[in-house]
Amino acid sequence: MGGITLSLDGCNALVTGASSGLGTFLAEALDAAGASVAIHYHDNKRGAEALASRLSNPSIVIQAKLSDLEDVSQLFKKASEALGPLDVLVNCAAAESQNISDLPDISENLWSSTMTTNVAAPMLLSQLFSAQAALGEKGGGSIINISSIEGSRPAPGHSHYATSKAALEMLTKASALEFGPRGIRVNAIAPGLINRAGIEEGWPEGVAAWKAAAPLGRLVDPSDIASTCVFLASPMSSSISGTVLTVDCGLSIKPGW
């Protein structure tokens, strides 16, 4: 175990969708491990700036619309110019597409916007991350894609979201295969139902059903996802690449009948 550590001292990270929700936990955890963090946001500037004010290490707040691929390119450029070559890329942002929409009723616009934000944007950021390594600006690094258990267990009304997460998981494996020679590791985290403010009050029947089905009998704490992210970003996971790590309190091991 000599020399292996969870420390990210001296590392630079970009976290998409970091201004609220799970992304905030991920950015805070990376900062606590020693990384400087580029905080991406879409429209929640206040949340992004509040997060930056809490971080201990240098950070930058960057606005970008991930459904606009030119914006995505500028996001990577601004992050690397402000912090230096990136060591960690966390694709956490997702399209606002988790509202129920039965498959026969999904519009072309909803399908397209979901795929662009959830798959095309992470792909472009991953390409730019790899190109950075190819230029010798900084070798290696870690890409972490935030998927969902819906990538392998679709829920009714979520076919657009589930399909995008399945694609993201295959992108994870394909990019791990192709970027490996450049020293880049690529992994995904597939969370289950995450505990967040107001979820039990707003969806009591769903939360109760989840708790009854999950072997651990509880929702997933966002800090569990954050610690997993730090692990995958760190030298502690130096031989792990192409993996989708499920963090769902054991729900996905239950039989589907």
Protein backbone atom coordinates (compact mmCIF):
# COMPACT_ATOMS: atom_id res chain seq x y z
CA MET A 1 0.00 0.00 0.00
CA GLY A 2 3.03 2.27 0.10
CA GLY A 3 2.51 5.48 -1.85
CA ILE A 4 -1.15 4.79 -2.61
CA THR A 5 -3.40 7.55 -1.35
CA LEU A 6 -6.82 9.12 -1.78
CA SER A 7 -5.20 12.55 -1.86
CA LEU A 8 -5.80 14.66 -4.96
CA ASP A 9 -3.35 17.39 -3.96
CA GLY A 10 -2.21 19.31 -7.01
CA CYS A 11 -4.96 17.92 -9.24
CA ASN A 12 -7.36 19.98 -11.33
CA ALA A 13 -10.94 18.80 -11.84
CA LEU A 14 -13.94 19.84 -13.89
CA VAL A 15 -17.38 18.88 -12.57
CA THR A 16 -20.40 19.50 -14.78
CA GLY A 17 -23.71 20.27 -13.12
CA ALA A 18 -21.95 21.26 -9.90
CA SER A 19 -24.16 24.15 -8.82
CA SER A 20 -26.75 22.01 -7.05
CA GLY A 21 -27.73 18.48 -6.09
CA LEU A 22 -25.28 15.63 -6.46
CA GLY A 23 -22.79 17.74 -8.40
CA THR A 24 -22.27 19.98 -5.39
CA PHE A 25 -21.40 16.99 -3.21
CA LEU A 26 -18.94 15.75 -5.83
CA ALA A 27 -17.20 19.12 -6.14
CA GLU A 28 -16.97 19.50 -2.36
CA ALA A 29 -15.50 16.01 -1.97
CA LEU A 30 -12.88 16.58 -4.67
CA ASP A 31 -11.94 19.88 -3.04
CA ALA A 32 -11.68 18.21 0.38
CA ALA A 33 -9.30 15.67 -1.17
CA GLY A 34 -7.08 18.51 -2.36
CA ALA A 35 -8.21 19.20 -5.94
CA SER A 36 -8.85 22.57 -7.52
CA VAL A 37 -12.31 22.47 -9.08
CA ALA A 38 -13.92 24.11 -12.11
CA ILE A 39 -17.61 24.45 -11.24
CA HIS A 40 -19.92 24.22 -14.24
CA TYR A 41 -23.47 25.51 -14.10
CA HIS A 42 -26.27 26.05 -16.59
CA ASP A 43 -28.51 28.67 -15.00
CA ASN A 44 -27.90 28.46 -11.24
CA LYS A 45 -25.13 31.05 -10.96
CA ARG A 46 -25.95 31.79 -7.34
CA GLY A 47 -25.56 28.14 -6.36
CA ALA A 48 -22.27 27.86 -8.24
CA GLU A 49 -20.84 30.98 -6.63
CA ALA A 50 -22.00 29.87 -3.18
CA LEU A 51 -20.24 26.55 -3.72
CA ALA A 52 -17.04 28.28 -4.84
CA SER A 53 -17.06 30.41 -1.70
CA ARG A 54 -17.06 27.25 0.45
CA LEU A 55 -14.18 25.50 -1.28
CA SER A 56 -10.69 25.55 0.21
CA ASN A 57 -8.67 25.27 -3.00
CA PRO A 58 -8.60 27.50 -6.09
CA SER A 59 -11.79 27.22 -8.15
CA ILE A 60 -13.56 28.83 -11.06
CA VAL A 61 -17.25 29.14 -11.93
CA ILE A 62 -18.15 28.61 -15.60
CA GLN A 63 -21.54 28.87 -17.30
CA ALA A 64 -22.28 26.61 -20.26
CA LYS A 65 -25.30 25.13 -21.98
CA LEU A 66 -24.43 21.48 -22.50
CA SER A 67 -26.99 21.06 -25.26
CA ASP A 68 -24.82 23.50 -27.27
CA LEU A 69 -21.63 21.68 -28.22
CA GLU A 70 -19.76 24.93 -28.93
CA ASP A 71 -20.51 25.93 -25.34
CA VAL A 72 -19.17 22.54 -24.25
CA SER A 73 -15.87 23.16 -26.05
CA GLN A 74 -15.56 26.59 -24.45
CA LEU A 75 -16.29 25.09 -21.03
CA PHE A 76 -13.30 22.78 -21.29
CA LYS A 77 -11.09 25.54 -22.66
CA LYS A 78 -11.99 27.98 -19.88
CA ALA A 79 -11.51 25.35 -17.17
CA SER A 80 -8.07 24.32 -18.39
CA GLU A 81 -6.96 27.90 -18.98
CA ALA A 82 -7.98 28.93 -15.47
CA LEU A 83 -6.70 25.93 -13.53
CA GLY A 84 -4.16 24.34 -15.85
CA PRO A 85 -4.37 20.95 -17.60
CA LEU A 86 -7.14 18.83 -16.10
CA ASP A 87 -6.50 15.62 -14.18
CA VAL A 88 -10.12 14.71 -13.45
CA LEU A 89 -13.31 15.10 -15.49
CA VAL A 90 -16.64 14.37 -13.83
CA ASN A 91 -19.63 14.31 -16.19
CA CYS A 92 -22.46 14.77 -13.71
CA ALA A 93 -24.87 17.14 -15.42
CA ALA A 94 -27.97 15.61 -16.98
CA ALA A 95 -30.77 17.01 -19.08
CA GLU A 96 -33.87 18.10 -17.26
CA SER A 97 -35.54 15.06 -18.76
CA GLN A 98 -36.55 12.86 -15.89
CA ASN A 99 -40.18 13.89 -16.06
CA ILE A 100 -42.45 11.02 -16.93
CA SER A 101 -43.10 10.70 -20.65
CA ASP A 102 -44.50 7.48 -22.07
CA LEU A 103 -42.51 6.14 -25.00
CA PRO A 104 -45.27 6.70 -27.62
CA ASP A 105 -45.45 10.35 -26.55
CA ILE A 106 -41.75 11.27 -26.51
CA SER A 107 -41.13 14.19 -28.84
CA GLU A 108 -38.17 14.43 -31.18
CA ASN A 109 -37.03 17.51 -29.27
CA LEU A 110 -37.11 15.76 -25.89
CA TRP A 111 -35.23 12.75 -27.26
CA SER A 112 -32.63 14.89 -29.02
CA SER A 113 -32.00 17.26 -26.10
CA THR A 114 -31.66 14.34 -23.68
CA MET A 115 -29.13 12.55 -25.88
CA THR A 116 -27.13 15.71 -26.57
CA THR A 117 -26.78 16.70 -22.92
CA ASN A 118 -26.44 13.22 -21.44
CA VAL A 119 -24.27 11.57 -24.10
CA ALA A 120 -22.87 13.96 -26.73
CA ALA A 121 -21.62 16.54 -24.21
CA PRO A 122 -19.77 13.95 -22.07
CA MET A 123 -18.33 12.45 -25.27
CA LEU A 124 -16.98 15.81 -26.45
CA LEU A 125 -15.53 16.65 -23.04
CA SER A 126 -13.92 13.21 -22.96
CA GLN A 127 -12.43 13.77 -26.42
CA LEU A 128 -10.97 17.09 -25.30
CA PHE A 129 -9.60 15.48 -22.14
CA SER A 130 -7.93 12.80 -24.25
CA ALA A 131 -6.56 15.36 -26.72
CA GLN A 132 -4.98 17.21 -23.81
CA ALA A 133 -3.12 14.04 -22.85
CA ALA A 134 -2.09 13.41 -26.46
CA LEU A 135 -0.52 16.87 -26.61
CA GLY A 136 1.58 15.98 -23.61
CA GLU A 137 0.13 18.80 -21.50
CA LYS A 138 -0.50 16.29 -18.75
CA GLY A 139 -0.49 12.54 -19.17
CA GLY A 140 -3.14 10.24 -17.81
CA GLY A 141 -6.05 11.27 -15.68
CA SER A 142 -9.47 10.00 -14.72
CA ILE A 143 -12.88 10.47 -16.32
CA ILE A 144 -15.90 9.66 -14.17
CA ASN A 145 -19.35 9.53 -15.76
CA ILE A 146 -22.40 9.70 -13.52
CA SER A 147 -24.92 7.21 -14.85
CA SER A 148 -27.92 5.67 -13.10
CA ILE A 149 -29.26 2.22 -12.34
CA GLU A 150 -31.84 3.11 -14.99
CA GLY A 151 -29.08 2.53 -17.51
CA SER A 152 -29.69 -1.18 -16.97
CA ARG A 153 -33.13 -1.18 -15.30
CA PRO A 154 -35.49 1.10 -17.26
CA ALA A 155 -38.46 2.58 -15.46
CA PRO A 156 -41.84 3.22 -17.11
CA GLY A 157 -42.00 6.71 -18.56
CA HIS A 158 -38.22 7.14 -18.40
CA SER A 159 -37.21 5.46 -21.66
CA HIS A 160 -35.46 8.58 -22.99
CA TYR A 161 -33.47 9.03 -19.77
CA ALA A 162 -32.71 5.31 -19.35
CA THR A 163 -31.54 4.99 -22.95
CA SER A 164 -29.20 7.96 -22.54
CA LYS A 165 -27.67 6.43 -19.42
CA ALA A 166 -27.21 3.06 -21.14
CA ALA A 167 -25.40 4.90 -23.93
CA LEU A 168 -23.26 6.75 -21.38
CA GLU A 169 -22.23 3.45 -19.83
CA MET A 170 -21.18 2.05 -23.21
CA LEU A 171 -19.33 5.29 -23.91
CA THR A 172 -17.53 4.74 -20.60
CA LYS A 173 -16.35 1.29 -21.68
CA ALA A 174 -15.46 2.32 -25.24
CA SER A 175 -13.47 5.35 -24.13
CA ALA A 176 -11.70 3.32 -21.43
CA LEU A 177 -10.58 0.96 -24.20
CA GLU A 178 -9.39 3.69 -26.55
CA PHE A 179 -7.98 6.18 -24.04
CA GLY A 180 -6.15 3.59 -21.95
CA PRO A 181 -2.92 3.81 -24.00
CA ARG A 182 -2.79 7.49 -23.03
CA GLY A 183 -2.94 6.57 -19.37
CA ILE A 184 -6.53 7.74 -18.98
CA ARG A 185 -8.90 5.71 -16.84
CA VAL A 186 -12.63 5.96 -17.51
CA ASN A 187 -15.31 4.68 -15.15
CA ALA A 188 -18.95 5.32 -14.35
CA ILE A 189 -21.00 5.42 -11.18
CA ALA A 190 -24.61 4.20 -11.36
CA PRO A 191 -26.48 5.54 -8.33
CA GLY A 192 -29.82 4.36 -7.12
CA LEU A 193 -32.44 6.67 -5.62
CA ILE A 194 -30.52 9.47 -3.93
CA ASN A 195 -31.70 11.02 -0.70
CA ARG A 196 -32.30 14.73 -1.17
CA ALA A 197 -34.23 17.48 0.54
CA GLY A 198 -37.98 17.03 0.27
CA ILE A 199 -37.98 13.66 -1.49
CA GLU A 200 -39.76 11.79 1.30
CA GLU A 201 -42.43 14.48 1.59
CA GLY A 202 -42.87 14.85 -2.16
CA TRP A 203 -42.87 11.16 -3.09
CA PRO A 204 -43.71 9.16 0.03
CA GLU A 205 -45.00 6.09 -1.79
CA GLY A 206 -41.94 5.85 -4.04
CA VAL A 207 -39.50 6.27 -1.17
CA ALA A 208 -41.34 3.68 0.89
CA ALA A 209 -41.29 1.21 -2.02
CA TRP A 210 -37.56 1.79 -2.55
CA LYS A 211 -36.72 1.26 1.11
CA ALA A 212 -38.78 -1.92 1.16
CA ALA A 213 -36.99 -3.27 -1.92
CA ALA A 214 -33.40 -2.26 -1.16
CA PRO A 215 -31.55 -4.82 1.01
CA LEU A 216 -29.99 -2.01 3.05
CA GLY A 217 -33.43 -0.51 3.58
CA ARG A 218 -32.56 3.11 2.84
CA LEU A 219 -31.94 5.65 0.09
CA VAL A 220 -28.46 6.34 -1.25
CA ASP A 221 -26.70 9.14 0.60
CA PRO A 222 -25.09 11.61 -1.83
CA SER A 223 -21.91 11.52 0.25
CA ASP A 224 -21.60 7.83 -0.71
CA ILE A 225 -21.51 8.81 -4.38
CA ALA A 226 -19.03 11.58 -3.62
CA SER A 227 -16.62 9.28 -1.79
CA THR A 228 -16.86 6.78 -4.65
CA CYS A 229 -16.01 9.58 -7.08
CA VAL A 230 -12.92 10.57 -5.07
CA PHE A 231 -11.83 6.93 -4.97
CA LEU A 232 -12.14 6.58 -8.75
CA ALA A 233 -10.27 9.86 -9.26
CA SER A 234 -7.43 8.86 -6.95
CA PRO A 235 -4.34 6.64 -7.31
CA MET A 236 -6.14 4.13 -5.06
CA SER A 237 -8.06 2.95 -8.14
CA SER A 238 -5.13 3.05 -10.55
CA SER A 239 -5.96 -0.37 -12.07
CA ILE A 240 -9.70 0.25 -12.40
CA SER A 241 -10.98 1.33 -15.81
CA GLY A 242 -14.02 0.53 -17.93
CA THR A 243 -16.12 -0.26 -14.86
CA VAL A 244 -19.66 0.82 -13.98
CA LEU A 245 -19.80 0.89 -10.20
CA THR A 246 -23.35 0.53 -8.89
CA VAL A 247 -24.15 2.37 -5.66
CA ASP A 248 -27.78 1.54 -4.89
CA CYS A 249 -28.01 0.03 -1.40
CA GLY A 250 -28.19 -3.38 -3.06
CA LEU A 251 -31.45 -2.85 -4.94
CA SER A 252 -30.18 -4.10 -8.30
CA ILE A 253 -29.28 -7.53 -6.92
CA LYS A 254 -32.93 -8.23 -6.11
CA PRO A 255 -34.74 -10.54 -8.55
CA GLY A 256 -36.99 -8.82 -11.02
CA TRP A 257 -39.98 -11.03 -10.25
